[in-house]
């Protein structure tokens, strides 16, 4: 039976040696890896992964593994993915991919990275609050909706940041300031907005520790992000700008007006307020009592001020980076609680975790459909197997990541057009140029996207498929269960 330390622990002390003798954090990491990997791999087997984003990231990592620039044809012809988001640390996965060239390599790497982040969180909880707290924090983080949503949606570069920030937070709690900076500094190489998270780590150090180190870290973080957004990303982007500038909220006429409206914009529409509450709900909201919660501000800030509705909700991968902050803040906030209070809080955390699980992706493991391979999936696999290795293929979004390890893949119908990622109303879709086309007219699994076809309505997709045979020189190789396989005619 788990026990809680009999006396209120003092912050910063090691009051529970048993968590060192028993590798509790690493056991949790191993278990969570298996959990996340099961969800991710099964989703891929069920054709629930997508070209946007698993296929894109696999194309980039595959290019690194082949010692090429990270060009992702799915993102656009000749598009260097460093012009989309700034994530050169992705190259660290290239050796693994070289050994195992498969989308599953990326999915398992992400599962391992997300699971690894539990180690410093559980270790700190055990040292400060005792074994029961170590298990509770591990379960709370590992089963949290933010991590679950990331583990169950393709692959994303933010997975590299989650353990880095988690280890940095542990170092901050132990007042090992330089170690905290060393762990957080690589965030600059994961994504362009994470320089501001590095700056938040620096601000915390400036308040709690050596001021010069903190201010210097904050300056490097801010300047690094600005350099990436203003100089490096436009330099790699074929259009010469920041690809996601359209997500930034438009000014309200003046700087003063924009600042005045910002508090209201953060909470409108209501999905933003719901997400803001749910971010801290796994800690029973107690993480808000800790100064460490300030490290979540940069990520929450850009998401809630974004014009992209996907950033406001609980789906996708956007909240994974926040979960280590929430649970590090929880441990910090519990350091002065009595035994009775601690026990009540830990029970509440477990209750909240249990209540939220059915609404988020880990619940898929309990659904019968997750373990059933349908005739449609079998038909897709049979037709995809007819495409030779090394071919150029235009594929539906859900079929693309089934091919990116062995073919050069773009979307069908052509998207994006002219590099305009957020434009779907193009008057004319360019003709396909790939040797093969494979199209699935079935409405895909909705989560995490809204129901329906993407990137164009099904009527337009059917029209483009018909034009491929009537106008663009393709012939039908096979049709089965709503899936059509086309090949360009010789000399076509």
Protein backbone atom coordinates (compact mmCIF):
# COMPACT_ATOMS: atom_id res chain seq x y z
CA UNK A 1 0.00 0.00 0.00
CA UNK A 2 1.30 3.46 -0.89
CA UNK A 3 2.12 5.77 1.98
CA UNK A 4 2.58 9.50 2.32
CA UNK A 5 5.38 11.01 4.36
CA UNK A 6 4.20 11.36 7.96
CA UNK A 7 5.45 14.91 8.33
CA UNK A 8 4.97 17.88 6.05
CA UNK A 9 8.06 17.90 3.86
CA UNK A 10 10.24 20.92 3.37
CA UNK A 11 10.69 22.19 -0.17
CA UNK A 12 13.98 21.27 -1.74
CA UNK A 13 14.73 18.38 0.61
CA UNK A 14 15.04 14.70 -0.20
CA UNK A 15 12.60 13.22 2.27
CA UNK A 16 11.78 9.92 0.56
CA UNK A 17 14.82 7.79 -0.30
CA UNK A 18 12.65 4.77 -1.28
CA UNK A 19 11.86 6.42 -4.63
CA UNK A 20 15.59 6.27 -5.39
CA UNK A 21 15.98 2.63 -4.42
CA UNK A 22 12.95 1.61 -6.46
CA UNK A 23 13.10 2.96 -10.07
CA UNK A 24 9.50 4.18 -9.89
CA UNK A 25 9.92 6.96 -12.49
CA UNK A 26 11.56 4.65 -15.02
CA UNK A 27 8.95 1.94 -14.51
CA UNK A 28 6.27 4.52 -15.22
CA UNK A 29 8.19 5.74 -18.28
CA UNK A 30 8.34 2.20 -19.66
CA UNK A 31 4.65 1.61 -19.05
CA UNK A 32 3.61 4.91 -20.58
CA UNK A 33 5.79 4.26 -23.62
CA UNK A 34 3.94 1.02 -24.24
CA UNK A 35 0.61 2.79 -23.78
CA UNK A 36 1.38 5.64 -26.15
CA UNK A 37 3.02 3.35 -28.70
CA UNK A 38 -0.02 1.07 -28.74
CA UNK A 39 -2.35 3.98 -29.47
CA UNK A 40 -0.09 5.54 -32.09
CA UNK A 41 0.77 2.36 -33.96
CA UNK A 42 -2.80 1.10 -33.99
CA UNK A 43 -4.06 4.42 -35.34
CA UNK A 44 -1.54 4.17 -38.17
CA UNK A 45 -2.63 0.62 -38.95
CA UNK A 46 -6.24 1.84 -39.11
CA UNK A 47 -5.37 4.60 -41.63
CA UNK A 48 -6.07 7.28 -39.03
CA UNK A 49 -2.72 9.01 -39.41
CA UNK A 50 -2.38 11.73 -42.03
CA UNK A 51 -0.11 13.22 -44.62
CA UNK A 52 -0.61 16.45 -42.71
CA UNK A 53 1.33 15.94 -40.38
CA UNK A 54 2.95 12.49 -40.07
CA UNK A 55 3.75 12.28 -43.76
CA UNK A 56 5.34 15.72 -43.82
CA UNK A 57 7.59 15.03 -40.86
CA UNK A 58 8.59 11.65 -42.21
CA UNK A 59 9.63 13.25 -45.49
CA UNK A 60 11.81 15.71 -43.57
CA UNK A 61 13.43 13.08 -41.34
CA UNK A 62 13.91 10.78 -44.32
CA UNK A 63 15.73 13.61 -46.10
CA UNK A 64 17.99 14.17 -43.08
CA UNK A 65 18.71 10.43 -42.96
CA UNK A 66 19.74 10.59 -46.62
CA UNK A 67 21.93 13.66 -45.90
CA UNK A 68 19.63 15.97 -47.86
CA UNK A 69 17.92 19.23 -46.96
CA UNK A 70 14.56 18.56 -45.25
CA UNK A 71 12.42 19.08 -48.33
CA UNK A 72 8.82 17.87 -47.86
CA UNK A 73 6.91 17.49 -51.16
CA UNK A 74 3.64 17.18 -49.24
CA UNK A 75 4.16 20.73 -48.00
CA UNK A 76 4.83 22.02 -51.50
CA UNK A 77 7.11 21.47 -54.46
CA UNK A 78 10.72 21.86 -53.31
CA UNK A 79 9.54 23.13 -49.92
CA UNK A 80 12.26 23.12 -47.26
CA UNK A 81 10.45 22.35 -44.02
CA UNK A 82 12.74 24.71 -42.11
CA UNK A 83 10.74 27.42 -43.85
CA UNK A 84 7.53 26.19 -42.22
CA UNK A 85 8.62 25.81 -38.59
CA UNK A 86 12.18 26.07 -37.32
CA UNK A 87 12.99 22.61 -35.97
CA UNK A 88 16.56 21.57 -36.92
CA UNK A 89 16.66 19.29 -33.85
CA UNK A 90 14.54 16.88 -35.90
CA UNK A 91 17.81 15.79 -37.47
CA UNK A 92 18.57 13.97 -34.20
CA UNK A 93 16.05 11.32 -35.29
CA UNK A 94 17.79 10.71 -38.61
CA UNK A 95 20.13 7.93 -37.36
CA UNK A 96 17.16 5.99 -35.98
CA UNK A 97 15.22 6.46 -39.20
CA UNK A 98 18.24 5.35 -41.21
CA UNK A 99 18.14 2.06 -39.31
CA UNK A 100 14.37 1.71 -39.57
CA UNK A 101 12.86 3.77 -42.43
CA UNK A 102 9.21 3.69 -41.42
CA UNK A 103 6.57 6.10 -40.10
CA UNK A 104 6.41 3.79 -37.10
CA UNK A 105 9.95 4.89 -36.24
CA UNK A 106 8.71 8.44 -35.74
CA UNK A 107 5.61 7.35 -33.84
CA UNK A 108 7.62 5.19 -31.44
CA UNK A 109 10.24 7.92 -30.99
CA UNK A 110 7.49 10.35 -30.06
CA UNK A 111 6.00 7.83 -27.63
CA UNK A 112 9.40 7.41 -25.97
CA UNK A 113 9.99 11.16 -25.71
CA UNK A 114 6.60 11.86 -24.17
CA UNK A 115 7.06 8.97 -21.72
CA UNK A 116 10.58 10.07 -20.78
CA UNK A 117 9.25 13.38 -19.49
CA UNK A 118 7.59 11.58 -16.58
CA UNK A 119 10.95 10.67 -15.03
CA UNK A 120 11.99 14.07 -13.61
CA UNK A 121 8.42 14.90 -12.61
CA UNK A 122 7.88 11.68 -10.65
CA UNK A 123 11.41 11.77 -9.23
CA UNK A 124 10.93 15.28 -7.86
CA UNK A 125 7.51 14.42 -6.44
CA UNK A 126 8.91 11.36 -4.70
CA UNK A 127 11.87 13.21 -3.22
CA UNK A 128 9.76 16.06 -1.85
CA UNK A 129 6.41 14.47 -1.07
CA UNK A 130 6.90 10.71 -0.86
CA UNK A 131 6.14 7.60 -2.91
CA UNK A 132 2.38 8.16 -3.15
CA UNK A 133 2.95 11.56 -4.69
CA UNK A 134 5.47 10.09 -7.16
CA UNK A 135 2.88 7.61 -8.40
CA UNK A 136 0.11 10.20 -8.48
CA UNK A 137 2.16 12.73 -10.45
CA UNK A 138 3.31 10.01 -12.84
CA UNK A 139 -0.27 8.86 -13.42
CA UNK A 140 -1.56 12.42 -13.67
CA UNK A 141 1.02 13.46 -16.25
CA UNK A 142 1.05 10.17 -18.13
CA UNK A 143 -2.72 9.96 -18.52
CA UNK A 144 -3.27 13.70 -18.93
CA UNK A 145 -5.34 14.84 -21.89
CA UNK A 146 -2.59 17.11 -23.19
CA UNK A 147 -0.11 14.28 -23.55
CA UNK A 148 -2.75 11.82 -24.77
CA UNK A 149 -3.83 14.19 -27.55
CA UNK A 150 -0.25 14.50 -28.75
CA UNK A 151 0.50 10.78 -28.54
CA UNK A 152 -2.58 9.95 -30.59
CA UNK A 153 -2.15 12.47 -33.40
CA UNK A 154 0.64 11.71 -35.86
CA UNK A 155 4.14 13.00 -35.05
CA UNK A 156 5.21 16.54 -34.17
CA UNK A 157 8.45 18.25 -33.34
CA UNK A 158 7.11 19.40 -29.97
CA UNK A 159 7.69 15.85 -28.68
CA UNK A 160 11.39 16.73 -28.56
CA UNK A 161 10.65 19.69 -26.31
CA UNK A 162 8.52 17.92 -23.70
CA UNK A 163 11.32 15.97 -21.93
CA UNK A 164 13.76 18.88 -22.31
CA UNK A 165 11.39 21.20 -20.47
CA UNK A 166 10.54 18.53 -17.90
CA UNK A 167 14.20 18.03 -16.94
CA UNK A 168 14.70 21.80 -16.89
CA UNK A 169 11.77 22.19 -14.49
CA UNK A 170 13.27 19.60 -12.17
CA UNK A 171 16.55 21.50 -12.18
CA UNK A 172 14.71 24.74 -11.41
CA UNK A 173 13.00 23.10 -8.44
CA UNK A 174 16.39 21.92 -7.17
CA UNK A 175 17.84 25.41 -7.72
CA UNK A 176 20.39 24.04 -10.16
CA UNK A 177 20.19 27.09 -12.34
CA UNK A 178 22.84 26.38 -14.95
CA UNK A 179 21.59 22.85 -15.40
CA UNK A 180 18.08 24.23 -15.94
CA UNK A 181 19.37 26.53 -18.67
CA UNK A 182 21.33 23.71 -20.30
CA UNK A 183 18.19 21.57 -20.53
CA UNK A 184 16.02 24.42 -21.80
CA UNK A 185 18.44 25.97 -24.32
CA UNK A 186 17.79 23.36 -27.07
CA UNK A 187 14.15 24.48 -27.14
CA UNK A 188 15.33 27.13 -29.59
CA UNK A 189 16.05 24.33 -32.07
CA UNK A 190 12.66 22.63 -31.66
CA UNK A 191 10.22 25.35 -32.73
CA UNK A 192 10.36 29.09 -33.21
CA UNK A 193 7.91 29.99 -30.41
CA UNK A 194 9.80 28.00 -27.77
CA UNK A 195 12.45 30.68 -27.46
CA UNK A 196 9.84 32.55 -25.46
CA UNK A 197 9.45 29.51 -23.19
CA UNK A 198 13.24 29.61 -22.72
CA UNK A 199 12.83 33.30 -21.88
CA UNK A 200 10.21 32.38 -19.26
CA UNK A 201 12.69 29.93 -17.71
CA UNK A 202 15.19 32.78 -17.63
CA UNK A 203 12.69 35.12 -16.00
CA UNK A 204 12.03 32.52 -13.29
CA UNK A 205 15.76 32.21 -12.65
CA UNK A 206 16.10 36.00 -12.49
CA UNK A 207 13.42 36.10 -9.79
CA UNK A 208 14.45 33.05 -7.77
CA UNK A 209 18.17 32.71 -8.46
CA UNK A 210 21.14 34.46 -10.07
CA UNK A 211 19.75 37.53 -11.76
CA UNK A 212 22.41 37.90 -14.41
CA UNK A 213 22.04 34.30 -15.59
CA UNK A 214 18.27 34.65 -15.67
CA UNK A 215 18.21 37.90 -17.60
CA UNK A 216 20.80 36.61 -20.04
CA UNK A 217 18.76 33.45 -20.64
CA UNK A 218 15.60 35.49 -21.14
CA UNK A 219 17.35 37.74 -23.65
CA UNK A 220 18.73 34.80 -25.61
CA UNK A 221 15.28 33.21 -25.73
CA UNK A 222 13.48 36.31 -27.00
CA UNK A 223 16.19 37.27 -29.49
CA UNK A 224 16.44 33.68 -30.70
CA UNK A 225 12.73 33.44 -31.47
CA UNK A 226 12.72 36.82 -33.17
CA UNK A 227 15.73 35.83 -35.27
CA UNK A 228 14.00 32.62 -36.33
CA UNK A 229 10.69 34.30 -37.21
CA UNK A 230 12.11 37.41 -38.85
CA UNK A 231 15.23 36.02 -40.58
CA UNK A 232 15.71 32.25 -40.66
CA UNK A 233 12.19 31.08 -41.49
CA UNK A 234 11.74 33.61 -44.33
CA UNK A 235 15.18 32.64 -45.67
CA UNK A 236 14.12 28.98 -46.01
CA UNK A 237 10.53 29.68 -47.08
CA UNK A 238 10.04 29.78 -50.87
CA UNK A 239 7.64 32.69 -50.41
CA UNK A 240 10.17 34.67 -48.40
CA UNK A 241 7.94 35.16 -45.36
CA UNK A 242 6.75 33.47 -42.18
CA UNK A 243 4.33 30.74 -43.27
CA UNK A 244 2.12 31.05 -40.20
CA UNK A 245 1.93 34.82 -39.94
CA UNK A 246 -1.74 34.57 -40.88
CA UNK A 247 -2.42 32.89 -37.53
CA UNK A 248 -1.50 36.04 -35.65
CA UNK A 249 -4.43 38.14 -34.51
CA UNK A 250 -4.93 41.26 -36.57
CA UNK A 251 -4.25 44.58 -34.88
CA UNK A 252 -7.26 46.49 -33.61
CA UNK A 253 -6.24 49.69 -35.39
CA UNK A 254 -3.38 50.71 -33.10
CA UNK A 255 -0.96 49.23 -30.61
CA UNK A 256 -2.88 50.69 -27.65
CA UNK A 257 -6.17 49.35 -29.00
CA UNK A 258 -4.64 45.91 -29.57
CA UNK A 259 -3.31 45.79 -26.01
CA UNK A 260 -6.67 46.94 -24.63
CA UNK A 261 -8.54 44.20 -26.47
CA UNK A 262 -6.03 41.44 -25.70
CA UNK A 263 -7.62 40.33 -22.38
CA UNK A 264 -10.98 39.93 -24.10
CA UNK A 265 -9.49 38.18 -27.12
CA UNK A 266 -7.89 35.60 -24.81
CA UNK A 267 -11.31 34.48 -23.56
CA UNK A 268 -13.37 34.72 -26.77
CA UNK A 269 -14.82 32.42 -28.02
CA UNK A 270 -15.62 30.25 -25.01
CA UNK A 271 -13.48 27.35 -26.28
CA UNK A 272 -10.46 29.35 -25.16
CA UNK A 273 -11.71 29.69 -21.60
CA UNK A 274 -12.58 25.99 -21.46
CA UNK A 275 -9.08 25.04 -22.63
CA UNK A 276 -7.48 27.44 -20.17
CA UNK A 277 -9.31 25.71 -17.31
CA UNK A 278 -8.61 22.22 -18.62
CA UNK A 279 -4.87 22.90 -18.90
CA UNK A 280 -4.62 23.30 -15.13
CA UNK A 281 -7.47 20.95 -14.18
CA UNK A 282 -5.20 17.85 -13.94
CA UNK A 283 -3.46 19.54 -11.01
CA UNK A 284 -6.80 20.35 -9.35
CA UNK A 285 -5.87 23.95 -10.36
CA UNK A 286 -3.19 24.00 -7.65
CA UNK A 287 -0.38 24.48 -10.19
CA UNK A 288 -1.61 28.06 -10.46
CA UNK A 289 -0.24 28.65 -6.95
CA UNK A 290 3.30 28.02 -8.13
CA UNK A 291 5.51 30.61 -9.87
CA UNK A 292 6.49 27.79 -12.25
CA UNK A 293 3.08 28.24 -13.87
CA UNK A 294 4.46 31.40 -15.49
CA UNK A 295 6.50 29.19 -17.81
CA UNK A 296 3.22 28.17 -19.46
CA UNK A 297 2.36 31.77 -20.36
CA UNK A 298 4.20 32.01 -23.72
CA UNK A 299 2.53 28.91 -25.17
CA UNK A 300 -0.88 29.81 -23.79
CA UNK A 301 -0.42 33.38 -25.00
CA UNK A 302 0.23 32.66 -28.66
CA UNK A 303 -2.45 29.96 -28.79
CA UNK A 304 -5.21 32.06 -27.27
CA UNK A 305 -4.36 35.11 -29.39
CA UNK A 306 -4.11 33.06 -32.58
CA UNK A 307 -6.67 33.39 -35.37
CA UNK A 308 -6.51 29.63 -35.99
CA UNK A 309 -9.37 27.90 -34.20
CA UNK A 310 -7.40 24.64 -33.97
CA UNK A 311 -5.09 26.38 -31.48
CA UNK A 312 -7.91 27.15 -29.05
CA UNK A 313 -9.15 23.68 -28.24
CA UNK A 314 -7.89 20.50 -26.62
CA UNK A 315 -7.18 18.42 -29.74
CA UNK A 316 -3.86 17.98 -31.49
CA UNK A 317 -0.42 18.34 -29.90
CA UNK A 318 -0.47 21.94 -28.71
CA UNK A 319 -0.93 21.23 -24.99
CA UNK A 320 1.76 18.56 -24.57
CA UNK A 321 4.43 21.13 -23.73
CA UNK A 322 2.18 22.52 -20.96
CA UNK A 323 1.71 19.28 -19.03
CA UNK A 324 5.22 19.17 -17.47
CA UNK A 325 4.71 22.77 -16.31
CA UNK A 326 1.38 21.88 -14.73
CA UNK A 327 2.72 18.92 -12.77
CA UNK A 328 5.99 20.59 -11.79
CA UNK A 329 3.85 23.45 -10.50
CA UNK A 330 1.65 21.00 -8.59
CA UNK A 331 4.64 19.47 -6.80
CA UNK A 332 5.95 22.93 -5.96
CA UNK A 333 2.57 24.03 -4.61
CA UNK A 334 2.24 20.94 -2.38
CA UNK A 335 5.55 21.37 -0.59
CA UNK A 336 4.00 23.05 2.45
CA UNK A 337 0.87 20.91 2.79
CA UNK A 338 0.10 18.78 5.82
CA UNK A 339 -0.27 15.03 5.52
CA UNK A 340 -4.06 15.24 5.47
CA UNK A 341 -4.11 18.05 2.91
CA UNK A 342 -1.61 16.23 0.72
CA UNK A 343 -3.66 13.06 0.77
CA UNK A 344 -6.81 14.98 -0.21
CA UNK A 345 -5.05 16.74 -3.08
CA UNK A 346 -3.53 13.54 -4.46
CA UNK A 347 -6.94 11.86 -4.37
CA UNK A 348 -8.43 14.83 -6.21
CA UNK A 349 -5.72 14.72 -8.88
CA UNK A 350 -6.38 11.03 -9.48
CA UNK A 351 -10.13 11.63 -9.61
CA UNK A 352 -9.79 14.44 -12.16
CA UNK A 353 -7.45 12.28 -14.24
CA UNK A 354 -9.94 9.40 -14.22
CA UNK A 355 -12.88 11.65 -15.11
CA UNK A 356 -11.09 13.18 -18.11
CA UNK A 357 -9.73 9.97 -19.65
CA UNK A 358 -12.97 8.90 -21.43
CA UNK A 359 -13.16 12.20 -23.30
CA UNK A 360 -9.69 11.97 -24.81
CA UNK A 361 -7.73 9.64 -27.12
CA UNK A 362 -6.47 7.06 -24.64
CA UNK A 363 -10.06 5.90 -24.37
CA UNK A 364 -9.72 4.59 -27.94
CA UNK A 365 -7.97 1.55 -26.49
CA UNK A 366 -11.26 0.49 -24.93
CA UNK A 367 -13.25 0.90 -28.15
CA UNK A 368 -14.06 -2.18 -30.18
CA UNK A 369 -13.42 -0.35 -33.47
CA UNK A 370 -9.78 0.17 -32.49
CA UNK A 371 -9.12 -3.56 -32.65
CA UNK A 372 -11.10 -4.35 -35.79
CA UNK A 373 -9.55 -4.26 -39.26
CA UNK A 374 -12.34 -3.39 -41.70
CA UNK A 375 -12.69 -4.52 -45.33
CA UNK A 376 -11.99 -0.91 -46.32
CA UNK A 377 -8.60 -1.01 -44.63
CA UNK A 378 -7.79 -4.34 -46.25
CA UNK A 379 -8.75 -2.89 -49.64
CA UNK A 380 -6.50 0.11 -49.08
CA UNK A 381 -3.54 -2.08 -48.16
CA UNK A 382 -4.04 -4.29 -51.21
CA UNK A 383 -4.15 -1.34 -53.63
CA UNK A 384 -1.23 0.50 -52.00
CA UNK A 385 0.87 -2.66 -52.34
CA UNK A 386 0.51 -2.38 -56.12
CA UNK A 387 2.45 0.90 -56.17
CA UNK A 388 6.16 0.20 -56.74
CA UNK A 389 8.88 1.49 -54.44
CA UNK A 390 10.41 4.77 -55.56
CA UNK A 391 7.30 5.85 -57.46
CA UNK A 392 5.84 9.35 -57.40
CA UNK A 393 2.34 9.25 -55.93
CA UNK A 394 -0.49 11.74 -55.40
CA UNK A 395 -2.51 10.35 -52.50
CA UNK A 396 -5.45 11.22 -50.26
CA UNK A 397 -4.44 12.65 -46.91
CA UNK A 398 -5.07 9.45 -44.92
CA UNK A 399 -3.26 7.28 -47.46
CA UNK A 400 -0.16 9.48 -47.81
CA UNK A 401 1.71 8.34 -44.64
CA UNK A 402 1.28 4.73 -45.73
CA UNK A 403 3.62 5.50 -48.65
CA UNK A 404 6.07 8.20 -47.54
CA UNK A 405 8.74 5.70 -46.43
CA UNK A 406 9.14 4.25 -49.92
CA UNK A 407 7.69 6.74 -52.42
CA UNK A 408 7.73 10.45 -53.22
CA UNK A 409 4.27 11.57 -52.13
CA UNK A 410 2.14 14.67 -52.64
CA UNK A 411 -1.52 15.27 -51.85
CA UNK A 412 -4.35 14.59 -54.26
CA UNK A 413 -5.96 16.82 -55.32
CA UNK A 414 -2.97 19.19 -55.35
CA UNK A 415 -2.55 21.08 -52.08
CA UNK A 416 -1.24 23.57 -51.15
CA UNK A 417 -1.44 25.62 -54.35
CA UNK A 418 1.27 28.23 -54.73
CA UNK A 419 2.50 27.50 -51.22
CA UNK A 420 -0.61 29.11 -49.66
CA UNK A 421 -1.20 26.72 -46.78
CA UNK A 422 -4.50 28.17 -45.54
CA UNK A 423 -6.20 28.77 -48.90
CA UNK A 424 -8.80 26.20 -49.95
CA UNK A 425 -10.85 28.24 -52.42
CA UNK A 426 -8.39 28.19 -55.31
CA UNK A 427 -10.25 28.73 -58.62
CA UNK A 428 -8.26 26.04 -60.42
CA UNK A 429 -6.40 23.09 -58.93
CA UNK A 430 -3.22 22.31 -60.87
CA UNK A 431 -3.08 19.07 -62.83
CA UNK A 432 -1.42 16.11 -61.07
CA UNK A 433 2.09 15.22 -62.24
CA UNK A 434 2.78 12.05 -60.22
CA UNK A 435 3.04 8.68 -61.93
CA UNK A 436 0.34 7.23 -59.66
CA UNK A 437 -2.83 8.54 -58.01
CA UNK A 438 -4.57 6.79 -55.13
CA UNK A 439 -7.79 8.35 -53.87
CA UNK A 440 -10.14 7.37 -51.06
CA UNK A 441 -13.61 8.85 -51.25
CA UNK A 442 -14.69 7.50 -47.86
CA UNK A 443 -15.11 10.14 -45.17
CA UNK A 444 -12.12 9.57 -42.85
CA UNK A 445 -12.14 9.13 -39.09
CA UNK A 446 -13.04 12.59 -37.80
CA UNK A 447 -10.82 12.99 -34.70
CA UNK A 448 -9.05 15.33 -34.33
CA UNK A 449 -10.40 17.08 -37.44
CA UNK A 450 -14.02 18.11 -38.00
CA UNK A 451 -16.08 15.59 -39.96
CA UNK A 452 -15.78 15.73 -43.74
CA UNK A 453 -13.20 15.61 -46.48
CA UNK A 454 -9.98 17.63 -46.56
CA UNK A 455 -8.51 19.70 -48.13
CA UNK A 456 -11.40 20.03 -50.63
CA UNK A 457 -15.07 18.97 -50.56
CA UNK A 458 -15.72 15.47 -51.88
CA UNK A 459 -17.52 16.84 -54.96
CA UNK A 460 -14.42 18.72 -56.01
CA UNK A 461 -12.20 15.73 -55.31
CA UNK A 462 -14.42 13.54 -57.51
CA UNK A 463 -14.26 16.11 -60.28
CA UNK A 464 -10.46 16.15 -60.13
CA UNK A 465 -10.37 12.35 -60.14
CA UNK A 466 -12.56 12.28 -63.25
CA UNK A 467 -10.38 14.94 -64.90
CA UNK A 468 -7.34 12.75 -64.27
CA UNK A 469 -8.70 10.06 -66.60
CA UNK A 470 -10.53 12.31 -69.03
CA UNK A 471 -7.97 15.09 -69.43
CA UNK A 472 -4.66 14.40 -67.69
CA UNK A 473 -3.72 11.02 -69.18
CA UNK A 474 -4.35 8.57 -66.32
CA UNK A 475 -5.95 5.14 -66.52
CA UNK A 476 -7.78 3.20 -63.83
CA UNK A 477 -5.72 0.31 -62.47
CA UNK A 478 -8.21 -0.81 -59.82
CA UNK A 479 -11.23 0.29 -57.81
CA UNK A 480 -12.21 -1.28 -54.54
CA UNK A 481 -14.46 -0.18 -51.68
CA UNK A 482 -14.30 3.52 -52.58
CA UNK A 483 -10.57 3.55 -53.25
CA UNK A 484 -9.36 4.28 -56.79
CA UNK A 485 -5.85 3.56 -58.05
CA UNK A 486 -4.75 5.37 -61.24
CA UNK A 487 -1.55 5.22 -63.25
CA UNK A 488 -0.32 7.67 -65.86
CA UNK A 489 -0.45 6.16 -69.35
CA UNK A 490 2.82 5.64 -71.14
CA UNK A 491 3.62 8.84 -72.96
CA UNK A 492 0.73 10.58 -71.18
